[in-house]
Amino acid sequence: MTKDDVINLFGEEHQDAAKALGIGKSAFSQWPHNLTRRQVVHVVGSAVMMGKTIPETLLFKCKTVRR
């Protein structure tokens, strides 16, 4: 999963994603382009708690995240 996937899931800008994840904009800007497993879990958990529908293509990307 990439940072762009996260932005698209929660809105159209970095600040939308940061707010949804409960972190600051500067913290989100420091995330790598390809998310770590821990970050993916954070994203998916936040999306589920917000009642977001996670697209199947994004779920597939979650399965391919390195440990």
PDB file of N, CA and C in Angstrom:
ATOM      1  N   MET A   1       0.847  -1.165   0.000  1.00  0.00           N
ATOM      2  CA  MET A   1       0.000   0.000   0.000  1.00  0.00           C
ATOM      3  C   MET A   1       0.899   1.236   0.000  1.00  0.00           C
ATOM      4  N   THR A   2       0.485   2.236  -0.756  1.00  0.00           N
ATOM      5  CA  THR A   2       1.272   3.447  -0.841  1.00  0.00           C
ATOM      6  C   THR A   2       0.592   4.602  -0.103  1.00  0.00           C
ATOM      7  N   LYS A   3       1.352   5.632   0.110  1.00  0.00           N
ATOM      8  CA  LYS A   3       0.807   6.822   0.764  1.00  0.00           C
ATOM      9  C   LYS A   3      -0.314   7.421  -0.092  1.00  0.00           C
ATOM     10  N   ASP A   4      -0.173   7.352  -1.403  1.00  0.00           N
ATOM     11  CA  ASP A   4      -1.219   7.863  -2.295  1.00  0.00           C
ATOM     12  C   ASP A   4      -2.519   7.090  -2.121  1.00  0.00           C
ATOM     13  N   ASP A   5      -2.434   5.778  -1.896  1.00  0.00           N
ATOM     14  CA  ASP A   5      -3.625   4.972  -1.630  1.00  0.00           C
ATOM     15  C   ASP A   5      -4.342   5.476  -0.382  1.00  0.00           C
ATOM     16  N   VAL A   6      -3.576   5.811   0.631  1.00  0.00           N
ATOM     17  CA  VAL A   6      -4.145   6.293   1.890  1.00  0.00           C
ATOM     18  C   VAL A   6      -4.853   7.628   1.667  1.00  0.00           C
ATOM     19  N   ILE A   7      -4.217   8.513   0.941  1.00  0.00           N
ATOM     20  CA  ILE A   7      -4.823   9.821   0.667  1.00  0.00           C
ATOM     21  C   ILE A   7      -6.131   9.643  -0.097  1.00  0.00           C
ATOM     22  N   ASN A   8      -6.141   8.770  -1.084  1.00  0.00           N
ATOM     23  CA  ASN A   8      -7.361   8.528  -1.862  1.00  0.00           C
ATOM     24  C   ASN A   8      -8.457   7.887  -1.017  1.00  0.00           C
ATOM     25  N   LEU A   9      -8.090   7.080  -0.054  1.00  0.00           N
ATOM     26  CA  LEU A   9      -9.072   6.414   0.795  1.00  0.00           C
ATOM     27  C   LEU A   9      -9.773   7.401   1.728  1.00  0.00           C
ATOM     28  N   PHE A  10      -9.030   8.347   2.252  1.00  0.00           N
ATOM     29  CA  PHE A  10      -9.581   9.248   3.264  1.00  0.00           C
ATOM     30  C   PHE A  10      -9.934  10.646   2.764  1.00  0.00           C
ATOM     31  N   GLY A  11      -9.597  10.973   1.560  1.00  0.00           N
ATOM     32  CA  GLY A  11      -9.892  12.303   1.048  1.00  0.00           C
ATOM     33  C   GLY A  11      -9.021  12.610  -0.144  1.00  0.00           C
ATOM     34  N   GLU A  12      -8.757  13.871  -0.329  1.00  0.00           N
ATOM     35  CA  GLU A  12      -7.967  14.263  -1.487  1.00  0.00           C
ATOM     36  C   GLU A  12      -6.652  14.930  -1.124  1.00  0.00           C
ATOM     37  N   GLU A  13      -6.405  15.107   0.168  1.00  0.00           N
ATOM     38  CA  GLU A  13      -5.197  15.811   0.571  1.00  0.00           C
ATOM     39  C   GLU A  13      -4.532  15.113   1.755  1.00  0.00           C
ATOM     40  N   HIS A  14      -3.264  15.436   1.972  1.00  0.00           N
ATOM     41  CA  HIS A  14      -2.506  14.865   3.089  1.00  0.00           C
ATOM     42  C   HIS A  14      -3.209  15.116   4.416  1.00  0.00           C
ATOM     43  N   GLN A  15      -3.760  16.313   4.589  1.00  0.00           N
ATOM     44  CA  GLN A  15      -4.374  16.653   5.867  1.00  0.00           C
ATOM     45  C   GLN A  15      -5.614  15.815   6.146  1.00  0.00           C
ATOM     46  N   ASP A  16      -6.350  15.406   5.099  1.00  0.00           N
ATOM     47  CA  ASP A  16      -7.514  14.534   5.293  1.00  0.00           C
ATOM     48  C   ASP A  16      -7.080  13.184   5.833  1.00  0.00           C
ATOM     49  N   ALA A  17      -6.020  12.640   5.258  1.00  0.00           N
ATOM     50  CA  ALA A  17      -5.508  11.344   5.696  1.00  0.00           C
ATOM     51  C   ALA A  17      -4.963  11.433   7.113  1.00  0.00           C
ATOM     52  N   ALA A  18      -4.210  12.470   7.395  1.00  0.00           N
ATOM     53  CA  ALA A  18      -3.626  12.634   8.733  1.00  0.00           C
ATOM     54  C   ALA A  18      -4.721  12.724   9.791  1.00  0.00           C
ATOM     55  N   LYS A  19      -5.743  13.493   9.515  1.00  0.00           N
ATOM     56  CA  LYS A  19      -6.840  13.650  10.474  1.00  0.00           C
ATOM     57  C   LYS A  19      -7.551  12.316  10.705  1.00  0.00           C
ATOM     58  N   ALA A  20      -7.812  11.576   9.630  1.00  0.00           N
ATOM     59  CA  ALA A  20      -8.482  10.280   9.746  1.00  0.00           C
ATOM     60  C   ALA A  20      -7.652   9.284  10.550  1.00  0.00           C
ATOM     61  N   LEU A  21      -6.333   9.394  10.448  1.00  0.00           N
ATOM     62  CA  LEU A  21      -5.439   8.473  11.148  1.00  0.00           C
ATOM     63  C   LEU A  21      -5.130   8.927  12.572  1.00  0.00           C
ATOM     64  N   GLY A  22      -5.550  10.141  12.913  1.00  0.00           N
ATOM     65  CA  GLY A  22      -5.302  10.651  14.256  1.00  0.00           C
ATOM     66  C   GLY A  22      -3.860  11.055  14.488  1.00  0.00           C
ATOM     67  N   ILE A  23      -3.199  11.486  13.418  1.00  0.00           N
ATOM     68  CA  ILE A  23      -1.806  11.936  13.530  1.00  0.00           C
ATOM     69  C   ILE A  23      -1.687  13.325  12.900  1.00  0.00           C
ATOM     70  N   GLY A  24      -0.603  13.995  13.161  1.00  0.00           N
ATOM     71  CA  GLY A  24      -0.383  15.312  12.589  1.00  0.00           C
ATOM     72  C   GLY A  24       0.016  15.250  11.129  1.00  0.00           C
ATOM     73  N   LYS A  25      -0.186  16.374  10.435  1.00  0.00           N
ATOM     74  CA  LYS A  25       0.205  16.444   9.021  1.00  0.00           C
ATOM     75  C   LYS A  25       1.696  16.198   8.840  1.00  0.00           C
ATOM     76  N   SER A  26       2.495  16.731   9.767  1.00  0.00           N
ATOM     77  CA  SER A  26       3.942  16.554   9.630  1.00  0.00           C
ATOM     78  C   SER A  26       4.342  15.095   9.853  1.00  0.00           C
ATOM     79  N   ALA A  27       3.658  14.418  10.766  1.00  0.00           N
ATOM     80  CA  ALA A  27       3.949  12.998  10.988  1.00  0.00           C
ATOM     81  C   ALA A  27       3.593  12.182   9.749  1.00  0.00           C
ATOM     82  N   PHE A  28       2.436  12.483   9.151  1.00  0.00           N
ATOM     83  CA  PHE A  28       2.033  11.753   7.949  1.00  0.00           C
ATOM     84  C   PHE A  28       2.986  12.032   6.792  1.00  0.00           C
ATOM     85  N   SER A  29       3.469  13.265   6.704  1.00  0.00           N
ATOM     86  CA  SER A  29       4.380  13.596   5.601  1.00  0.00           C
ATOM     87  C   SER A  29       5.702  12.835   5.708  1.00  0.00           C
ATOM     88  N   GLN A  30       6.033  12.350   6.903  1.00  0.00           N
ATOM     89  CA  GLN A  30       7.270  11.598   7.097  1.00  0.00           C
ATOM     90  C   GLN A  30       7.113  10.112   6.794  1.00  0.00           C
ATOM     91  N   TRP A  31       5.879   9.654   6.585  1.00  0.00           N
ATOM     92  CA  TRP A  31       5.685   8.248   6.229  1.00  0.00           C
ATOM     93  C   TRP A  31       6.331   7.990   4.870  1.00  0.00           C
ATOM     94  N   PRO A  32       6.879   6.791   4.664  1.00  0.00           N
ATOM     95  CA  PRO A  32       7.485   6.472   3.365  1.00  0.00           C
ATOM     96  C   PRO A  32       6.408   6.285   2.295  1.00  0.00           C
ATOM     97  N   HIS A  33       6.817   6.342   1.030  1.00  0.00           N
ATOM     98  CA  HIS A  33       5.865   6.154  -0.067  1.00  0.00           C
ATOM     99  C   HIS A  33       5.205   4.769   0.030  1.00  0.00           C
ATOM    100  N   ASN A  34       6.018   3.736   0.249  1.00  0.00           N
ATOM    101  CA  ASN A  34       5.488   2.377   0.452  1.00  0.00           C
ATOM    102  C   ASN A  34       5.406   2.122   1.952  1.00  0.00           C
ATOM    103  N   LEU A  35       4.191   1.936   2.441  1.00  0.00           N
ATOM    104  CA  LEU A  35       3.961   1.830   3.877  1.00  0.00           C
ATOM    105  C   LEU A  35       4.494   0.525   4.463  1.00  0.00           C
ATOM    106  N   THR A  36       4.854   0.592   5.736  1.00  0.00           N
ATOM    107  CA  THR A  36       5.265  -0.607   6.464  1.00  0.00           C
ATOM    108  C   THR A  36       4.012  -1.378   6.877  1.00  0.00           C
ATOM    109  N   ARG A  37       4.212  -2.585   7.322  1.00  0.00           N
ATOM    110  CA  ARG A  37       3.081  -3.410   7.776  1.00  0.00           C
ATOM    111  C   ARG A  37       2.328  -2.713   8.908  1.00  0.00           C
ATOM    112  N   ARG A  38       3.033  -2.138   9.840  1.00  0.00           N
ATOM    113  CA  ARG A  38       2.408  -1.453  10.977  1.00  0.00           C
ATOM    114  C   ARG A  38       1.544  -0.275  10.499  1.00  0.00           C
ATOM    115  N   GLN A  39       2.043   0.462   9.539  1.00  0.00           N
ATOM    116  CA  GLN A  39       1.282   1.592   9.006  1.00  0.00           C
ATOM    117  C   GLN A  39       0.035   1.119   8.262  1.00  0.00           C
ATOM    118  N   VAL A  40       0.154   0.016   7.526  1.00  0.00           N
ATOM    119  CA  VAL A  40      -1.001  -0.547   6.823  1.00  0.00           C
ATOM    120  C   VAL A  40      -2.076  -0.966   7.827  1.00  0.00           C
ATOM    121  N   VAL A  41      -1.670  -1.594   8.910  1.00  0.00           N
ATOM    122  CA  VAL A  41      -2.623  -1.998   9.943  1.00  0.00           C
ATOM    123  C   VAL A  41      -3.309  -0.765  10.525  1.00  0.00           C
ATOM    124  N   HIS A  42      -2.560   0.299  10.753  1.00  0.00           N
ATOM    125  CA  HIS A  42      -3.107   1.554  11.254  1.00  0.00           C
ATOM    126  C   HIS A  42      -4.153   2.109  10.282  1.00  0.00           C
ATOM    127  N   VAL A  43      -3.827   2.104   9.002  1.00  0.00           N
ATOM    128  CA  VAL A  43      -4.735   2.628   7.980  1.00  0.00           C
ATOM    129  C   VAL A  43      -6.014   1.801   7.899  1.00  0.00           C
ATOM    130  N   VAL A  44      -5.873   0.494   7.806  1.00  0.00           N
ATOM    131  CA  VAL A  44      -7.042  -0.379   7.675  1.00  0.00           C
ATOM    132  C   VAL A  44      -7.911  -0.293   8.931  1.00  0.00           C
ATOM    133  N   GLY A  45      -7.282  -0.295  10.099  1.00  0.00           N
ATOM    134  CA  GLY A  45      -8.045  -0.178  11.342  1.00  0.00           C
ATOM    135  C   GLY A  45      -8.804   1.131  11.414  1.00  0.00           C
ATOM    136  N   SER A  46      -8.175   2.211  11.026  1.00  0.00           N
ATOM    137  CA  SER A  46      -8.838   3.520  11.035  1.00  0.00           C
ATOM    138  C   SER A  46      -9.998   3.553  10.054  1.00  0.00           C
ATOM    139  N   ALA A  47      -9.795   2.976   8.883  1.00  0.00           N
ATOM    140  CA  ALA A  47     -10.857   2.948   7.875  1.00  0.00           C
ATOM    141  C   ALA A  47     -12.054   2.137   8.369  1.00  0.00           C
ATOM    142  N   VAL A  48     -11.801   0.998   8.975  1.00  0.00           N
ATOM    143  CA  VAL A  48     -12.882   0.159   9.495  1.00  0.00           C
ATOM    144  C   VAL A  48     -13.640   0.897  10.588  1.00  0.00           C
ATOM    145  N   MET A  49     -12.921   1.549  11.483  1.00  0.00           N
ATOM    146  CA  MET A  49     -13.571   2.274  12.573  1.00  0.00           C
ATOM    147  C   MET A  49     -14.417   3.440  12.050  1.00  0.00           C
ATOM    148  N   MET A  50     -14.040   3.994  10.911  1.00  0.00           N
ATOM    149  CA  MET A  50     -14.800   5.097  10.318  1.00  0.00           C
ATOM    150  C   MET A  50     -15.928   4.607   9.423  1.00  0.00           C
ATOM    151  N   GLY A  51     -16.027   3.286   9.245  1.00  0.00           N
ATOM    152  CA  GLY A  51     -17.072   2.733   8.389  1.00  0.00           C
ATOM    153  C   GLY A  51     -16.785   2.870   6.908  1.00  0.00           C
ATOM    154  N   LYS A  52     -15.520   3.053   6.563  1.00  0.00           N
ATOM    155  CA  LYS A  52     -15.132   3.182   5.158  1.00  0.00           C
ATOM    156  C   LYS A  52     -15.137   1.813   4.487  1.00  0.00           C
ATOM    157  N   THR A  53     -15.545   1.795   3.241  1.00  0.00           N
ATOM    158  CA  THR A  53     -15.444   0.590   2.434  1.00  0.00           C
ATOM    159  C   THR A  53     -14.054   0.575   1.810  1.00  0.00           C
ATOM    160  N   ILE A  54     -13.343  -0.508   2.027  1.00  0.00           N
ATOM    161  CA  ILE A  54     -11.983  -0.614   1.498  1.00  0.00           C
ATOM    162  C   ILE A  54     -12.047  -1.340   0.156  1.00  0.00           C
ATOM    163  N   PRO A  55     -11.624  -0.686  -0.916  1.00  0.00           N
ATOM    164  CA  PRO A  55     -11.677  -1.315  -2.244  1.00  0.00           C
ATOM    165  C   PRO A  55     -10.856  -2.603  -2.290  1.00  0.00           C
ATOM    166  N   GLU A  56     -11.343  -3.571  -3.068  1.00  0.00           N
ATOM    167  CA  GLU A  56     -10.652  -4.863  -3.159  1.00  0.00           C
ATOM    168  C   GLU A  56      -9.223  -4.713  -3.663  1.00  0.00           C
ATOM    169  N   THR A  57      -9.001  -3.787  -4.571  1.00  0.00           N
ATOM    170  CA  THR A  57      -7.642  -3.596  -5.088  1.00  0.00           C
ATOM    171  C   THR A  57      -6.702  -3.151  -3.971  1.00  0.00           C
ATOM    172  N   LEU A  58      -7.228  -2.389  -3.043  1.00  0.00           N
ATOM    173  CA  LEU A  58      -6.418  -1.937  -1.916  1.00  0.00           C
ATOM    174  C   LEU A  58      -6.173  -3.091  -0.940  1.00  0.00           C
ATOM    175  N   LEU A  59      -7.172  -3.930  -0.751  1.00  0.00           N
ATOM    176  CA  LEU A  59      -6.990  -5.100   0.116  1.00  0.00           C
ATOM    177  C   LEU A  59      -5.921  -6.025  -0.449  1.00  0.00           C
ATOM    178  N   PHE A  60      -5.895  -6.176  -1.767  1.00  0.00           N
ATOM    179  CA  PHE A  60      -4.870  -7.006  -2.391  1.00  0.00           C
ATOM    180  C   PHE A  60      -3.481  -6.434  -2.084  1.00  0.00           C
ATOM    181  N   LYS A  61      -3.354  -5.116  -2.162  1.00  0.00           N
ATOM    182  CA  LYS A  61      -2.069  -4.488  -1.861  1.00  0.00           C
ATOM    183  C   LYS A  61      -1.667  -4.733  -0.406  1.00  0.00           C
ATOM    184  N   CYS A  62      -2.657  -4.811   0.481  1.00  0.00           N
ATOM    185  CA  CYS A  62      -2.371  -5.066   1.897  1.00  0.00           C
ATOM    186  C   CYS A  62      -1.735  -6.439   2.088  1.00  0.00           C
ATOM    187  N   LYS A  63      -2.151  -7.405   1.273  1.00  0.00           N
ATOM    188  CA  LYS A  63      -1.633  -8.753   1.395  1.00  0.00           C
ATOM    189  C   LYS A  63      -0.181  -8.856   0.932  1.00  0.00           C
ATOM    190  N   THR A  64       0.243  -7.885   0.132  1.00  0.00           N
ATOM    191  CA  THR A  64       1.583  -7.975  -0.447  1.00  0.00           C
ATOM    192  C   THR A  64       2.612  -7.131   0.307  1.00  0.00           C
ATOM    193  N   VAL A  65       2.237  -6.597   1.446  1.00  0.00           N
ATOM    194  CA  VAL A  65       3.163  -5.766   2.231  1.00  0.00           C
ATOM    195  C   VAL A  65       4.222  -6.654   2.865  1.00  0.00           C
ATOM    196  N   ARG A  66       5.463  -6.213   2.791  1.00  0.00           N
ATOM    197  CA  ARG A  66       6.554  -6.976   3.397  1.00  0.00           C
ATOM    198  C   ARG A  66       6.488  -6.910   4.903  1.00  0.00           C
ATOM    199  N   ARG A  67       7.018  -7.936   5.525  1.00  0.00           N
ATOM    200  CA  ARG A  67       7.071  -7.961   6.999  1.00  0.00           C
ATOM    201  C   ARG A  67       8.205  -7.149   7.503  1.00  0.00           C
TER     202      ARG A  67
END
